[in-house]
């Protein structure tokens, strides 16, 4: 994933590692599980956000929307909300890498099936 602000690559593994570490450490003090920041980071990166002030702005907009517009949000279908999330995350997926992973998994499955067939034939 590339950062549109300066074409600096975003290291997803670093963020996932920190989320995992936060969940591990939080389990010792009965903390809430840490989730969701990966999608926010992807959206911020694609939007060209350069400072952490974007999180403060986004959270204030969400709180304002929840406080004032909650009755109107009750009538939005869940499929529409899911579509918004999908569209926001679609640019974070590298289609080339996804295809390579899909092909690799298919080849592994074929090899496993062939091995099982050979074992059955030999038995």
C-alpha atoms as a PDB file:
ATOM      1  CA  UNK A   1       0.000   0.000   0.000  1.00  0.00           C
ATOM      2  CA  UNK A   2       1.356   3.420  -0.952  1.00  0.00           C
ATOM      3  CA  UNK A   3       0.788   6.657   0.913  1.00  0.00           C
ATOM      4  CA  UNK A   4      -0.689   9.203  -1.470  1.00  0.00           C
ATOM      5  CA  UNK A   5       0.745  12.108   0.527  1.00  0.00           C
ATOM      6  CA  UNK A   6       4.330  11.302  -0.344  1.00  0.00           C
ATOM      7  CA  UNK A   7       4.308   7.880  -2.017  1.00  0.00           C
ATOM      8  CA  UNK A   8       5.915   6.480   1.104  1.00  0.00           C
ATOM      9  CA  UNK A   9       5.042   2.800   1.549  1.00  0.00           C
ATOM     10  CA  UNK A  10       2.845   1.930   4.525  1.00  0.00           C
ATOM     11  CA  UNK A  11       4.042  -1.140   6.420  1.00  0.00           C
ATOM     12  CA  UNK A  12       0.904  -3.108   7.321  1.00  0.00           C
ATOM     13  CA  UNK A  13       2.874  -5.734   9.223  1.00  0.00           C
ATOM     14  CA  UNK A  14       4.122  -3.109  11.668  1.00  0.00           C
ATOM     15  CA  UNK A  15       0.580  -2.039  12.472  1.00  0.00           C
ATOM     16  CA  UNK A  16      -0.708  -5.600  12.788  1.00  0.00           C
ATOM     17  CA  UNK A  17       2.192  -6.435  15.092  1.00  0.00           C
ATOM     18  CA  UNK A  18       1.369  -3.477  17.324  1.00  0.00           C
ATOM     19  CA  UNK A  19      -2.326  -4.464  17.395  1.00  0.00           C
ATOM     20  CA  UNK A  20      -1.386  -7.992  18.412  1.00  0.00           C
ATOM     21  CA  UNK A  21       1.002  -6.743  21.078  1.00  0.00           C
ATOM     22  CA  UNK A  22      -1.673  -4.387  22.413  1.00  0.00           C
ATOM     23  CA  UNK A  23      -4.161  -7.262  22.638  1.00  0.00           C
ATOM     24  CA  UNK A  24      -1.601  -9.501  24.340  1.00  0.00           C
ATOM     25  CA  UNK A  25      -0.669  -6.898  26.946  1.00  0.00           C
ATOM     26  CA  UNK A  26      -4.290  -5.885  27.425  1.00  0.00           C
ATOM     27  CA  UNK A  27      -5.222  -9.469  28.295  1.00  0.00           C
ATOM     28  CA  UNK A  28      -3.132  -9.258  31.458  1.00  0.00           C
ATOM     29  CA  UNK A  29      -5.110  -6.294  32.800  1.00  0.00           C
ATOM     30  CA  UNK A  30      -8.556  -7.314  31.448  1.00  0.00           C
ATOM     31  CA  UNK A  31      -8.430  -4.623  28.779  1.00  0.00           C
ATOM     32  CA  UNK A  32     -10.748  -4.355  25.803  1.00  0.00           C
ATOM     33  CA  UNK A  33      -9.448  -5.937  22.581  1.00  0.00           C
ATOM     34  CA  UNK A  34      -7.806  -3.491  20.178  1.00  0.00           C
ATOM     35  CA  UNK A  35      -9.319  -3.585  16.682  1.00  0.00           C
ATOM     36  CA  UNK A  36     -10.251  -1.415  13.765  1.00  0.00           C
ATOM     37  CA  UNK A  37      -7.297   0.895  13.424  1.00  0.00           C
ATOM     38  CA  UNK A  38      -5.955  -0.972  10.402  1.00  0.00           C
ATOM     39  CA  UNK A  39      -8.887   0.158   8.246  1.00  0.00           C
ATOM     40  CA  UNK A  40      -8.577   3.711   9.548  1.00  0.00           C
ATOM     41  CA  UNK A  41      -4.889   3.742   8.726  1.00  0.00           C
ATOM     42  CA  UNK A  42      -5.591   2.521   5.202  1.00  0.00           C
ATOM     43  CA  UNK A  43      -8.212   5.217   4.651  1.00  0.00           C
ATOM     44  CA  UNK A  44      -5.945   7.904   6.152  1.00  0.00           C
ATOM     45  CA  UNK A  45      -3.059   6.768   3.977  1.00  0.00           C
ATOM     46  CA  UNK A  46      -5.197   6.798   0.834  1.00  0.00           C
ATOM     47  CA  UNK A  47      -6.545  10.242   1.761  1.00  0.00           C
ATOM     48  CA  UNK A  48      -3.110  11.752   2.230  1.00  0.00           C
ATOM     49  CA  UNK A  49      -3.420  12.473   5.957  1.00  0.00           C
ATOM     50  CA  UNK A  50      -0.101  13.574   7.451  1.00  0.00           C
ATOM     51  CA  UNK A  51      -0.847  14.187  11.134  1.00  0.00           C
ATOM     52  CA  UNK A  52      -2.539  12.474  14.035  1.00  0.00           C
ATOM     53  CA  UNK A  53      -5.007  15.355  14.197  1.00  0.00           C
ATOM     54  CA  UNK A  54      -7.082  13.463  11.641  1.00  0.00           C
ATOM     55  CA  UNK A  55      -8.032  10.960  14.354  1.00  0.00           C
ATOM     56  CA  UNK A  56      -9.252  13.738  16.627  1.00  0.00           C
ATOM     57  CA  UNK A  57     -11.222  15.287  13.785  1.00  0.00           C
ATOM     58  CA  UNK A  58     -12.730  11.960  12.705  1.00  0.00           C
ATOM     59  CA  UNK A  59     -13.733  11.001  16.246  1.00  0.00           C
ATOM     60  CA  UNK A  60     -15.374  14.385  16.832  1.00  0.00           C
ATOM     61  CA  UNK A  61     -17.338  14.042  13.578  1.00  0.00           C
ATOM     62  CA  UNK A  62     -18.454  10.534  14.572  1.00  0.00           C
ATOM     63  CA  UNK A  63     -19.541  11.673  18.046  1.00  0.00           C
ATOM     64  CA  UNK A  64     -21.401  14.638  16.584  1.00  0.00           C
ATOM     65  CA  UNK A  65     -23.102  12.428  14.012  1.00  0.00           C
ATOM     66  CA  UNK A  66     -24.093   9.872  16.638  1.00  0.00           C
ATOM     67  CA  UNK A  67     -25.436  12.548  18.925  1.00  0.00           C
ATOM     68  CA  UNK A  68     -27.436  14.483  16.363  1.00  0.00           C
ATOM     69  CA  UNK A  69     -28.249  12.104  13.534  1.00  0.00           C
ATOM     70  CA  UNK A  70     -28.867   8.792  15.293  1.00  0.00           C
ATOM     71  CA  UNK A  71     -32.632   8.774  14.657  1.00  0.00           C
ATOM     72  CA  UNK A  72     -32.013   9.224  10.916  1.00  0.00           C
ATOM     73  CA  UNK A  73     -29.307   6.516  10.879  1.00  0.00           C
ATOM     74  CA  UNK A  74     -31.782   3.957  12.216  1.00  0.00           C
ATOM     75  CA  UNK A  75     -33.434   3.737   8.780  1.00  0.00           C
ATOM     76  CA  UNK A  76     -30.270   3.097   6.757  1.00  0.00           C
ATOM     77  CA  UNK A  77     -30.172  -0.537   5.574  1.00  0.00           C
ATOM     78  CA  UNK A  78     -27.270  -2.626   6.858  1.00  0.00           C
ATOM     79  CA  UNK A  79     -26.330  -3.525   3.286  1.00  0.00           C
ATOM     80  CA  UNK A  80     -25.694   0.159   2.549  1.00  0.00           C
ATOM     81  CA  UNK A  81     -23.446   0.479   5.578  1.00  0.00           C
ATOM     82  CA  UNK A  82     -21.560  -2.648   4.519  1.00  0.00           C
ATOM     83  CA  UNK A  83     -21.109  -1.194   1.022  1.00  0.00           C
ATOM     84  CA  UNK A  84     -19.546   1.954   2.482  1.00  0.00           C
ATOM     85  CA  UNK A  85     -17.011  -0.136   4.391  1.00  0.00           C
ATOM     86  CA  UNK A  86     -16.246  -2.302   1.350  1.00  0.00           C
ATOM     87  CA  UNK A  87     -15.704   0.715  -0.898  1.00  0.00           C
ATOM     88  CA  UNK A  88     -13.446   2.323   1.721  1.00  0.00           C
ATOM     89  CA  UNK A  89     -11.270  -0.800   1.932  1.00  0.00           C
ATOM     90  CA  UNK A  90     -11.227  -1.858  -1.731  1.00  0.00           C
ATOM     91  CA  UNK A  91      -8.193   0.290  -2.496  1.00  0.00           C
ATOM     92  CA  UNK A  92      -6.211  -1.341   0.296  1.00  0.00           C
ATOM     93  CA  UNK A  93      -6.226  -4.702  -1.496  1.00  0.00           C
ATOM     94  CA  UNK A  94      -3.432  -5.505  -3.930  1.00  0.00           C
ATOM     95  CA  UNK A  95      -5.225  -7.581  -6.572  1.00  0.00           C
ATOM     96  CA  UNK A  96      -1.989  -9.006  -7.979  1.00  0.00           C
ATOM     97  CA  UNK A  97      -0.916 -10.367  -4.608  1.00  0.00           C
ATOM     98  CA  UNK A  98      -4.410 -11.700  -3.889  1.00  0.00           C
ATOM     99  CA  UNK A  99      -4.369 -13.626  -7.192  1.00  0.00           C
ATOM    100  CA  UNK A 100      -0.925 -15.054  -6.432  1.00  0.00           C
ATOM    101  CA  UNK A 101      -2.103 -16.228  -3.008  1.00  0.00           C
ATOM    102  CA  UNK A 102      -5.251 -17.721  -4.551  1.00  0.00           C
ATOM    103  CA  UNK A 103      -3.192 -19.628  -7.146  1.00  0.00           C
ATOM    104  CA  UNK A 104      -0.734 -20.856  -4.517  1.00  0.00           C
ATOM    105  CA  UNK A 105      -3.543 -22.130  -2.308  1.00  0.00           C
ATOM    106  CA  UNK A 106      -5.190 -23.856  -5.284  1.00  0.00           C
ATOM    107  CA  UNK A 107      -1.910 -25.553  -6.219  1.00  0.00           C
ATOM    108  CA  UNK A 108      -1.413 -26.719  -2.631  1.00  0.00           C
ATOM    109  CA  UNK A 109      -4.933 -28.147  -2.514  1.00  0.00           C
ATOM    110  CA  UNK A 110      -4.338 -30.003  -5.771  1.00  0.00           C
ATOM    111  CA  UNK A 111      -1.075 -31.437  -4.445  1.00  0.00           C
ATOM    112  CA  UNK A 112      -2.761 -32.555  -1.239  1.00  0.00           C
ATOM    113  CA  UNK A 113      -5.576 -34.255  -3.162  1.00  0.00           C
ATOM    114  CA  UNK A 114      -3.080 -36.018  -5.434  1.00  0.00           C
ATOM    115  CA  UNK A 115      -1.091 -37.220  -2.418  1.00  0.00           C
ATOM    116  CA  UNK A 116      -4.232 -38.551  -0.731  1.00  0.00           C
ATOM    117  CA  UNK A 117      -5.268 -40.366  -3.916  1.00  0.00           C
ATOM    118  CA  UNK A 118      -1.842 -41.976  -4.221  1.00  0.00           C
ATOM    119  CA  UNK A 119      -2.009 -43.093  -0.587  1.00  0.00           C
ATOM    120  CA  UNK A 120      -5.448 -44.651  -1.155  1.00  0.00           C
ATOM    121  CA  UNK A 121      -4.257 -46.443  -4.262  1.00  0.00           C
ATOM    122  CA  UNK A 122      -1.187 -47.832  -2.469  1.00  0.00           C
ATOM    123  CA  UNK A 123      -3.251 -49.057   0.475  1.00  0.00           C
END
